[in-house]
C-alpha atoms as a PDB file:
ATOM      1  CA  MET A   1      16.870 -16.985   3.255  1.00  0.00           C
ATOM      2  CA  LYS A   2      16.356 -13.430   4.425  1.00  0.00           C
ATOM      3  CA  LEU A   3      14.204 -12.406   7.323  1.00  0.00           C
ATOM      4  CA  ARG A   4      12.403  -9.794   5.241  1.00  0.00           C
ATOM      5  CA  ARG A   5      10.796 -12.539   3.184  1.00  0.00           C
ATOM      6  CA  LEU A   6       8.836 -13.546   6.259  1.00  0.00           C
ATOM      7  CA  LEU A   7       7.623 -10.057   7.097  1.00  0.00           C
ATOM      8  CA  LEU A   8       4.488  -8.497   5.708  1.00  0.00           C
ATOM      9  CA  THR A   9       5.013  -4.776   5.405  1.00  0.00           C
ATOM     10  CA  THR A  10       7.426  -2.067   6.376  1.00  0.00           C
ATOM     11  CA  THR A  11       6.447  -0.451   9.657  1.00  0.00           C
ATOM     12  CA  PHE A  12       6.169   3.309   9.412  1.00  0.00           C
ATOM     13  CA  THR A  13       6.249   5.696  12.358  1.00  0.00           C
ATOM     14  CA  LEU A  14       3.729   8.515  12.415  1.00  0.00           C
ATOM     15  CA  LEU A  15       3.646  11.363  14.918  1.00  0.00           C
ATOM     16  CA  ALA A  16       0.090  12.677  14.986  1.00  0.00           C
ATOM     17  CA  THR A  17      -0.759  15.857  16.855  1.00  0.00           C
ATOM     18  CA  THR A  18      -3.855  17.323  18.396  1.00  0.00           C
ATOM     19  CA  GLY A  19      -6.264  19.303  16.304  1.00  0.00           C
ATOM     20  CA  CYS A  20      -8.908  16.732  15.417  1.00  0.00           C
ATOM     21  CA  THR A  21     -12.507  17.852  15.396  1.00  0.00           C
ATOM     22  CA  PRO A  22     -13.826  17.673  18.982  1.00  0.00           C
ATOM     23  CA  PRO A  23     -17.165  16.108  19.863  1.00  0.00           C
ATOM     24  CA  PRO A  24     -20.120  18.414  19.185  1.00  0.00           C
ATOM     25  CA  PRO A  25     -21.120  20.579  22.183  1.00  0.00           C
ATOM     26  CA  GLY A  26     -22.809  18.525  24.846  1.00  0.00           C
ATOM     27  CA  LYS A  27     -21.454  15.203  23.523  1.00  0.00           C
ATOM     28  CA  ALA A  28     -18.879  14.069  26.022  1.00  0.00           C
ATOM     29  CA  ASN A  29     -17.118  10.813  25.295  1.00  0.00           C
ATOM     30  CA  SER A  30     -19.409   8.878  27.602  1.00  0.00           C
ATOM     31  CA  ALA A  31     -22.612  10.695  26.706  1.00  0.00           C
ATOM     32  CA  PRO A  32     -25.031   9.078  24.221  1.00  0.00           C
ATOM     33  CA  SER A  33     -25.708  10.835  20.944  1.00  0.00           C
ATOM     34  CA  ALA A  34     -29.022  12.521  20.390  1.00  0.00           C
ATOM     35  CA  PRO A  35     -31.576  10.327  18.568  1.00  0.00           C
ATOM     36  CA  ALA A  36     -31.805  10.822  14.834  1.00  0.00           C
ATOM     37  CA  ALA A  37     -34.976  12.158  13.284  1.00  0.00           C
ATOM     38  CA  GLY A  38     -37.733   9.550  13.415  1.00  0.00           C
ATOM     39  CA  GLN A  39     -35.920   7.402  15.959  1.00  0.00           C
ATOM     40  CA  SER A  40     -37.407   6.596  19.318  1.00  0.00           C
ATOM     41  CA  PRO A  41     -35.581   8.261  22.236  1.00  0.00           C
ATOM     42  CA  SER A  42     -35.483   4.826  23.840  1.00  0.00           C
ATOM     43  CA  GLY A  43     -33.491   3.358  20.925  1.00  0.00           C
ATOM     44  CA  PRO A  44     -29.727   2.791  20.931  1.00  0.00           C
ATOM     45  CA  SER A  45     -27.407   5.755  20.817  1.00  0.00           C
ATOM     46  CA  ALA A  46     -25.279   6.370  17.733  1.00  0.00           C
ATOM     47  CA  LYS A  47     -22.239   4.991  19.538  1.00  0.00           C
ATOM     48  CA  GLU A  48     -24.067   1.858  20.667  1.00  0.00           C
ATOM     49  CA  GLU A  49     -25.408   1.262  17.170  1.00  0.00           C
ATOM     50  CA  LEU A  50     -22.017   1.639  15.485  1.00  0.00           C
ATOM     51  CA  LEU A  51     -20.170  -0.471  18.060  1.00  0.00           C
ATOM     52  CA  ALA A  52     -22.728  -3.235  17.603  1.00  0.00           C
ATOM     53  CA  ALA A  53     -22.198  -3.086  13.829  1.00  0.00           C
ATOM     54  CA  LEU A  54     -18.412  -3.191  14.236  1.00  0.00           C
ATOM     55  CA  ARG A  55     -18.596  -6.228  16.524  1.00  0.00           C
ATOM     56  CA  LYS A  56     -21.019  -7.998  14.184  1.00  0.00           C
ATOM     57  CA  THR A  57     -18.738  -7.335  11.221  1.00  0.00           C
ATOM     58  CA  HIS A  58     -15.662  -8.581  13.072  1.00  0.00           C
ATOM     59  CA  ALA A  59     -17.411 -11.817  14.115  1.00  0.00           C
ATOM     60  CA  ALA A  60     -18.075 -13.046  10.552  1.00  0.00           C
ATOM     61  CA  ALA A  61     -16.092 -13.379   7.330  1.00  0.00           C
ATOM     62  CA  TYR A  62     -15.517 -10.299   5.181  1.00  0.00           C
ATOM     63  CA  THR A  63     -13.278  -8.916   2.445  1.00  0.00           C
ATOM     64  CA  PHE A  64     -11.527  -5.562   2.633  1.00  0.00           C
ATOM     65  CA  LYS A  65      -9.769  -2.980   0.493  1.00  0.00           C
ATOM     66  CA  VAL A  66      -7.496  -0.235   1.798  1.00  0.00           C
ATOM     67  CA  ARG A  67      -6.252   3.044   0.308  1.00  0.00           C
ATOM     68  CA  ALA A  68      -4.102   4.941   2.784  1.00  0.00           C
ATOM     69  CA  ASP A  69      -1.779   7.916   2.911  1.00  0.00           C
ATOM     70  CA  LEU A  70       1.517   7.397   4.735  1.00  0.00           C
ATOM     71  CA  PRO A  71       4.149   9.851   5.971  1.00  0.00           C
ATOM     72  CA  ASP A  72       6.603  11.338   3.466  1.00  0.00           C
ATOM     73  CA  SER A  73       4.057  11.335   0.606  1.00  0.00           C
ATOM     74  CA  LYS A  74       3.880   7.555   0.466  1.00  0.00           C
ATOM     75  CA  ARG A  75       0.746   5.481  -0.050  1.00  0.00           C
ATOM     76  CA  VAL A  76      -0.324   1.924   0.552  1.00  0.00           C
ATOM     77  CA  ASN A  77      -2.997  -0.054  -1.291  1.00  0.00           C
ATOM     78  CA  ALA A  78      -4.104  -3.387   0.091  1.00  0.00           C
ATOM     79  CA  SER A  79      -6.807  -5.991  -0.247  1.00  0.00           C
ATOM     80  CA  GLY A  80      -7.641  -9.227   1.479  1.00  0.00           C
ATOM     81  CA  ALA A  81     -10.136 -11.277   3.442  1.00  0.00           C
ATOM     82  CA  PHE A  82     -10.644 -12.582   6.966  1.00  0.00           C
ATOM     83  CA  ASP A  83     -12.716 -15.487   8.257  1.00  0.00           C
ATOM     84  CA  PRO A  84     -12.451 -15.674  12.074  1.00  0.00           C
ATOM     85  CA  LYS A  85     -14.568 -18.816  12.453  1.00  0.00           C
ATOM     86  CA  ARG A  86     -12.377 -20.826  10.074  1.00  0.00           C
ATOM     87  CA  SER A  87      -9.090 -19.132  11.057  1.00  0.00           C
ATOM     88  CA  LEU A  88      -8.391 -17.876   7.544  1.00  0.00           C
ATOM     89  CA  PHE A  89      -6.695 -14.639   6.516  1.00  0.00           C
ATOM     90  CA  THR A  90      -5.065 -13.248   3.399  1.00  0.00           C
ATOM     91  CA  GLU A  91      -3.662  -9.860   2.427  1.00  0.00           C
ATOM     92  CA  THR A  92      -1.820  -8.311  -0.493  1.00  0.00           C
ATOM     93  CA  SER A  93      -0.194  -4.941   0.149  1.00  0.00           C
ATOM     94  CA  LYS A  94       1.615  -2.541  -2.187  1.00  0.00           C
ATOM     95  CA  GLU A  95       3.533   0.563  -1.144  1.00  0.00           C
ATOM     96  CA  SER A  96       4.163   3.444  -3.571  1.00  0.00           C
ATOM     97  CA  GLY A  97       5.680   6.900  -3.516  1.00  0.00           C
ATOM     98  CA  GLY A  98       9.074   6.008  -2.095  1.00  0.00           C
ATOM     99  CA  LYS A  99      12.410   5.263  -3.722  1.00  0.00           C
ATOM    100  CA  ASN A 100      12.046   1.524  -3.198  1.00  0.00           C
ATOM    101  CA  PRO A 101       8.379   0.551  -3.518  1.00  0.00           C
ATOM    102  CA  GLU A 102       7.607  -2.889  -2.153  1.00  0.00           C
ATOM    103  CA  SER A 103       4.769  -5.362  -2.196  1.00  0.00           C
ATOM    104  CA  SER A 104       3.996  -8.206   0.161  1.00  0.00           C
ATOM    105  CA  GLN A 105       1.557 -11.044   0.503  1.00  0.00           C
ATOM    106  CA  ARG A 106       0.501 -13.157   3.418  1.00  0.00           C
ATOM    107  CA  THR A 107      -1.926 -16.046   3.780  1.00  0.00           C
ATOM    108  CA  VAL A 108      -2.701 -17.702   7.085  1.00  0.00           C
ATOM    109  CA  VAL A 109      -4.594 -20.987   7.310  1.00  0.00           C
ATOM    110  CA  GLY A 110      -5.010 -22.075  10.910  1.00  0.00           C
ATOM    111  CA  LYS A 111      -1.499 -22.186  12.373  1.00  0.00           C
ATOM    112  CA  ASP A 112       0.270 -22.124   9.004  1.00  0.00           C
ATOM    113  CA  SER A 113       1.546 -18.783   7.726  1.00  0.00           C
ATOM    114  CA  PHE A 114       2.745 -18.272   4.146  1.00  0.00           C
ATOM    115  CA  SER A 115       4.392 -15.021   3.067  1.00  0.00           C
ATOM    116  CA  ARG A 116       6.454 -13.469   0.326  1.00  0.00           C
ATOM    117  CA  GLN A 117       7.897 -10.002  -0.009  1.00  0.00           C
ATOM    118  CA  ASN A 118       7.312  -9.504  -3.734  1.00  0.00           C
ATOM    119  CA  SER A 119       5.014 -11.322  -6.137  1.00  0.00           C
ATOM    120  CA  GLY A 120       7.972 -12.678  -8.108  1.00  0.00           C
ATOM    121  CA  GLU A 121       9.443 -14.448  -5.078  1.00  0.00           C
ATOM    122  CA  GLY A 122       8.434 -17.843  -3.746  1.00  0.00           C
ATOM    123  CA  TRP A 123       6.228 -18.440  -0.745  1.00  0.00           C
ATOM    124  CA  VAL A 124       7.808 -19.254   2.623  1.00  0.00           C
ATOM    125  CA  HIS A 125       5.950 -21.379   5.180  1.00  0.00           C
ATOM    126  CA  LEU A 126       6.163 -20.656   8.895  1.00  0.00           C
ATOM    127  CA  ASP A 127       4.616 -22.925  11.534  1.00  0.00           C
ATOM    128  CA  LEU A 128       3.026 -20.505  13.989  1.00  0.00           C
ATOM    129  CA  ARG A 129       2.834 -23.227  16.639  1.00  0.00           C
ATOM    130  CA  ARG A 130       6.620 -23.132  16.878  1.00  0.00           C
ATOM    131  CA  ILE A 131       6.895 -19.358  17.229  1.00  0.00           C
ATOM    132  CA  LYS A 132       7.543 -17.969  20.687  1.00  0.00           C
ATOM    133  CA  PRO A 133       4.725 -15.654  21.869  1.00  0.00           C
ATOM    134  CA  THR A 134       7.355 -13.013  22.669  1.00  0.00           C
ATOM    135  CA  ASP A 135       8.574 -12.939  19.066  1.00  0.00           C
ATOM    136  CA  THR A 136       6.533  -9.966  17.865  1.00  0.00           C
ATOM    137  CA  LEU A 137       8.125  -9.960  14.397  1.00  0.00           C
ATOM    138  CA  LEU A 138       6.982 -13.443  13.466  1.00  0.00           C
ATOM    139  CA  SER A 139       3.960 -14.140  15.668  1.00  0.00           C
ATOM    140  CA  PHE A 140       0.483 -13.542  14.281  1.00  0.00           C
ATOM    141  CA  ASP A 141      -2.756 -12.502  15.988  1.00  0.00           C
ATOM    142  CA  MET A 142      -5.559 -14.399  14.262  1.00  0.00           C
ATOM    143  CA  LYS A 143      -8.104 -12.840  16.632  1.00  0.00           C
ATOM    144  CA  ASP A 144      -7.633  -9.388  15.085  1.00  0.00           C
ATOM    145  CA  PRO A 145      -5.342  -9.425  12.027  1.00  0.00           C
ATOM    146  CA  THR A 146      -7.024  -6.406  10.429  1.00  0.00           C
ATOM    147  CA  GLY A 147      -7.076  -4.168  13.506  1.00  0.00           C
ATOM    148  CA  LEU A 148     -10.871  -3.855  13.401  1.00  0.00           C
ATOM    149  CA  ALA A 149     -11.329  -5.024  17.003  1.00  0.00           C
ATOM    150  CA  LYS A 150      -8.740  -2.553  18.278  1.00  0.00           C
ATOM    151  CA  PHE A 151     -10.453   0.234  16.394  1.00  0.00           C
ATOM    152  CA  THR A 152     -13.764  -0.767  17.974  1.00  0.00           C
ATOM    153  CA  SER A 153     -12.302  -0.562  21.469  1.00  0.00           C
ATOM    154  CA  SER A 154     -10.734   2.835  20.719  1.00  0.00           C
ATOM    155  CA  VAL A 155     -13.934   4.644  19.656  1.00  0.00           C
ATOM    156  CA  GLN A 156     -14.576   7.591  21.984  1.00  0.00           C
ATOM    157  CA  TRP A 157     -17.682   9.318  20.657  1.00  0.00           C
ATOM    158  CA  VAL A 158     -20.094   8.933  17.716  1.00  0.00           C
ATOM    159  CA  GLU A 159     -22.900  10.934  16.145  1.00  0.00           C
ATOM    160  CA  ARG A 160     -25.226  10.149  13.254  1.00  0.00           C
ATOM    161  CA  THR A 161     -24.873  12.209  10.091  1.00  0.00           C
ATOM    162  CA  GLY A 162     -27.563  10.435   8.063  1.00  0.00           C
ATOM    163  CA  PRO A 163     -29.163   7.032   7.484  1.00  0.00           C
ATOM    164  CA  ASN A 164     -26.436   4.425   8.153  1.00  0.00           C
ATOM    165  CA  LYS A 165     -23.813   7.182   8.348  1.00  0.00           C
ATOM    166  CA  PHE A 166     -21.688   8.151  11.344  1.00  0.00           C
ATOM    167  CA  ARG A 167     -18.826  10.392  12.343  1.00  0.00           C
ATOM    168  CA  GLY A 168     -16.805  10.255  15.512  1.00  0.00           C
ATOM    169  CA  GLY A 169     -13.475  10.279  17.277  1.00  0.00           C
ATOM    170  CA  PHE A 170     -11.140   7.479  18.291  1.00  0.00           C
ATOM    171  CA  GLU A 171      -7.966   7.158  20.311  1.00  0.00           C
ATOM    172  CA  ALA A 172      -5.228   6.390  17.802  1.00  0.00           C
ATOM    173  CA  MET A 173      -2.588   5.772  20.453  1.00  0.00           C
ATOM    174  CA  GLN A 174      -2.904   2.418  22.202  1.00  0.00           C
ATOM    175  CA  THR A 175      -0.386   0.105  23.808  1.00  0.00           C
ATOM    176  CA  GLY A 176       0.590  -3.020  21.909  1.00  0.00           C
ATOM    177  CA  ASP A 177       0.515  -3.554  18.166  1.00  0.00           C
ATOM    178  CA  PRO A 178      -0.558  -0.819  15.724  1.00  0.00           C
ATOM    179  CA  PHE A 179      -4.051  -1.014  14.248  1.00  0.00           C
ATOM    180  CA  VAL A 180      -4.170   1.550  11.436  1.00  0.00           C
ATOM    181  CA  PRO A 181      -4.698   1.483   8.533  1.00  0.00           C
ATOM    182  CA  ILE A 182      -7.584  -0.885   9.282  1.00  0.00           C
ATOM    183  CA  GLY A 183      -7.058  -3.952   7.106  1.00  0.00           C
ATOM    184  CA  THR A 184      -3.297  -3.526   6.907  1.00  0.00           C
ATOM    185  CA  PRO A 185      -2.156  -2.185  10.285  1.00  0.00           C
ATOM    186  CA  SER A 186       1.328  -1.163   9.198  1.00  0.00           C
ATOM    187  CA  VAL A 187       1.505   2.316  10.685  1.00  0.00           C
ATOM    188  CA  ILE A 188       2.423   2.932  14.309  1.00  0.00           C
ATOM    189  CA  ALA A 189       0.373   5.969  15.306  1.00  0.00           C
ATOM    190  CA  PHE A 190       1.528   8.099  18.210  1.00  0.00           C
ATOM    191  CA  SER A 191      -1.352  10.485  18.796  1.00  0.00           C
ATOM    192  CA  PHE A 192      -2.220  13.020  21.473  1.00  0.00           C
ATOM    193  CA  GLY A 193      -5.991  13.233  21.779  1.00  0.00           C
ATOM    194  CA  ASN A 194      -8.648  11.849  19.462  1.00  0.00           C
ATOM    195  CA  SER A 195      -8.479  11.420  15.706  1.00  0.00           C
ATOM    196  CA  ASP A 196     -11.467  11.671  13.381  1.00  0.00           C
ATOM    197  CA  PHE A 197     -13.321   8.973  11.460  1.00  0.00           C
ATOM    198  CA  THR A 198     -16.484   8.446   9.447  1.00  0.00           C
ATOM    199  CA  ALA A 199     -18.249   5.122   8.941  1.00  0.00           C
ATOM    200  CA  THR A 200     -21.148   3.651   6.991  1.00  0.00           C
ATOM    201  CA  THR A 201     -23.248   0.552   7.531  1.00  0.00           C
ATOM    202  CA  ASP A 202     -25.694  -1.417   5.401  1.00  0.00           C
ATOM    203  CA  GLY A 203     -29.269  -2.491   6.048  1.00  0.00           C
ATOM    204  CA  ASN A 204     -28.078  -5.662   7.763  1.00  0.00           C
ATOM    205  CA  GLY A 205     -26.081  -3.820  10.389  1.00  0.00           C
ATOM    206  CA  GLN A 206     -22.681  -4.561   8.835  1.00  0.00           C
ATOM    207  CA  VAL A 207     -19.968  -1.940   8.484  1.00  0.00           C
ATOM    208  CA  THR A 208     -19.158  -1.197   4.839  1.00  0.00           C
ATOM    209  CA  SER A 209     -16.587   1.604   5.132  1.00  0.00           C
ATOM    210  CA  ILE A 210     -14.372   3.369   7.650  1.00  0.00           C
ATOM    211  CA  VAL A 211     -12.419   6.517   6.797  1.00  0.00           C
ATOM    212  CA  VAL A 212      -9.777   7.526   9.333  1.00  0.00           C
ATOM    213  CA  GLU A 213      -7.867  10.809   9.443  1.00  0.00           C
ATOM    214  CA  LEU A 214      -4.520  11.188  11.200  1.00  0.00           C
ATOM    215  CA  ARG A 215      -2.486  14.372  11.301  1.00  0.00           C
ATOM    216  CA  ASP A 216       1.271  14.552  11.195  1.00  0.00           C
ATOM    217  CA  GLU A 217       3.449  17.661  11.157  1.00  0.00           C
ATOM    218  CA  LYS A 218       2.960  18.236   7.439  1.00  0.00           C
ATOM    219  CA  ALA A 219      -0.417  16.949   6.316  1.00  0.00           C
ATOM    220  CA  THR A 220      -3.637  15.113   7.103  1.00  0.00           C
ATOM    221  CA  LEU A 221      -3.327  11.421   6.266  1.00  0.00           C
ATOM    222  CA  THR A 222      -6.533   9.764   5.056  1.00  0.00           C
ATOM    223  CA  MET A 223      -6.958   6.008   5.384  1.00  0.00           C
ATOM    224  CA  THR A 224     -10.010   4.490   3.686  1.00  0.00           C
ATOM    225  CA  THR A 225     -11.109   0.903   4.333  1.00  0.00           C
ATOM    226  CA  THR A 226     -14.074  -0.650   2.541  1.00  0.00           C
ATOM    227  CA  LEU A 227     -15.568  -3.964   3.646  1.00  0.00           C
ATOM    228  CA  GLY A 228     -17.847  -6.361   1.785  1.00  0.00           C
ATOM    229  CA  ASN A 229     -19.003  -9.943   1.151  1.00  0.00           C
ATOM    230  CA  HIS A 230     -20.054 -10.204   4.777  1.00  0.00           C
ATOM    231  CA  GLY A 231     -20.532 -13.790   5.940  1.00  0.00           C
ATOM    232  CA  LYS A 232     -19.613 -15.289   2.559  1.00  0.00           C
ATOM    233  CA  PRO A 233     -16.877 -17.879   1.872  1.00  0.00           C
ATOM    234  CA  THR A 234     -13.496 -16.277   1.265  1.00  0.00           C
ATOM    235  CA  GLY A 235     -11.906 -18.995  -0.867  1.00  0.00           C
ATOM    236  CA  ILE A 236      -8.643 -18.703   1.079  1.00  0.00           C
ATOM    237  CA  ALA A 237      -6.320 -21.698   0.627  1.00  0.00           C
ATOM    238  CA  LYS A 238      -2.662 -22.584   1.119  1.00  0.00           C
ATOM    239  CA  PRO A 239      -0.286 -21.834  -1.787  1.00  0.00           C
ATOM    240  CA  LYS A 240       0.383 -24.897  -3.919  1.00  0.00           C
ATOM    241  CA  ARG A 241       4.148 -24.441  -3.750  1.00  0.00           C
ATOM    242  CA  TYR A 242       6.250 -23.047  -0.945  1.00  0.00           C
ATOM    243  CA  ASP A 243       9.587 -23.408   0.859  1.00  0.00           C
ATOM    244  CA  GLU A 244       9.987 -24.140   4.552  1.00  0.00           C
ATOM    245  CA  ALA A 245      11.442 -21.474   6.819  1.00  0.00           C
ATOM    246  CA  ALA A 246      14.892 -22.246   8.207  1.00  0.00           C
ATOM    247  CA  ASP A 247      15.059 -23.777  11.677  1.00  0.00           C
ATOM    248  CA  PHE A 248      16.744 -20.721  13.186  1.00  0.00           C
ATOM    249  CA  TYR A 249      13.481 -18.785  12.894  1.00  0.00           C
ATOM    250  CA  TYR A 250      12.100 -21.003  15.660  1.00  0.00           C
ATOM    251  CA  ASP A 251      15.090 -20.688  18.009  1.00  0.00           C
END
């Protein structure tokens, strides 16, 4: 059994540089955005409104789809669902544009993780209760598997661009695990300064899309995440057939 069968996606390294759009004049990172037309000056700022929507979205079940540029003209497409209250997560990811395109799948039900590198291979079961917390390759963070919470904490400034529409900047470089693309955080982003994003919400205060832009030495990489089915059952279940991981994975 090969270790790669237990891993989700290849980890790419991205060196992003400065050059993102700065906050509009007068909008320091800590300063509230000006109220939109028709909004009471005493209402929440754009940043407060968006952060509240991000936290609300992260607290309930949702599905997601990802289309993201990667370095070296590669792309990744992914889809999945997350239910934090029931400890359920699933993701299917496909990489294209390289010499050896790969796909991977992962489903987590409570403390049981099931993964396979390609759709034609069998599922492998890993008991997360037996994984050492220091084993970053095999451990799994059910509190934030999509990176949405890390994105929320990284937001620096926000302004409204229309009804339920926002633009802003976020700090792409954080210590710990990577968190972009949101939904399939498989890119480690080393960034100096803020990177740009746009976001939309619905009438219920749920986030429906986040578009992130990161710049490397050659191009601007766009990562689009759409979210839906907020608060609805995900239908996530264990695979019917799977093999057990070898004991040495728990050593």
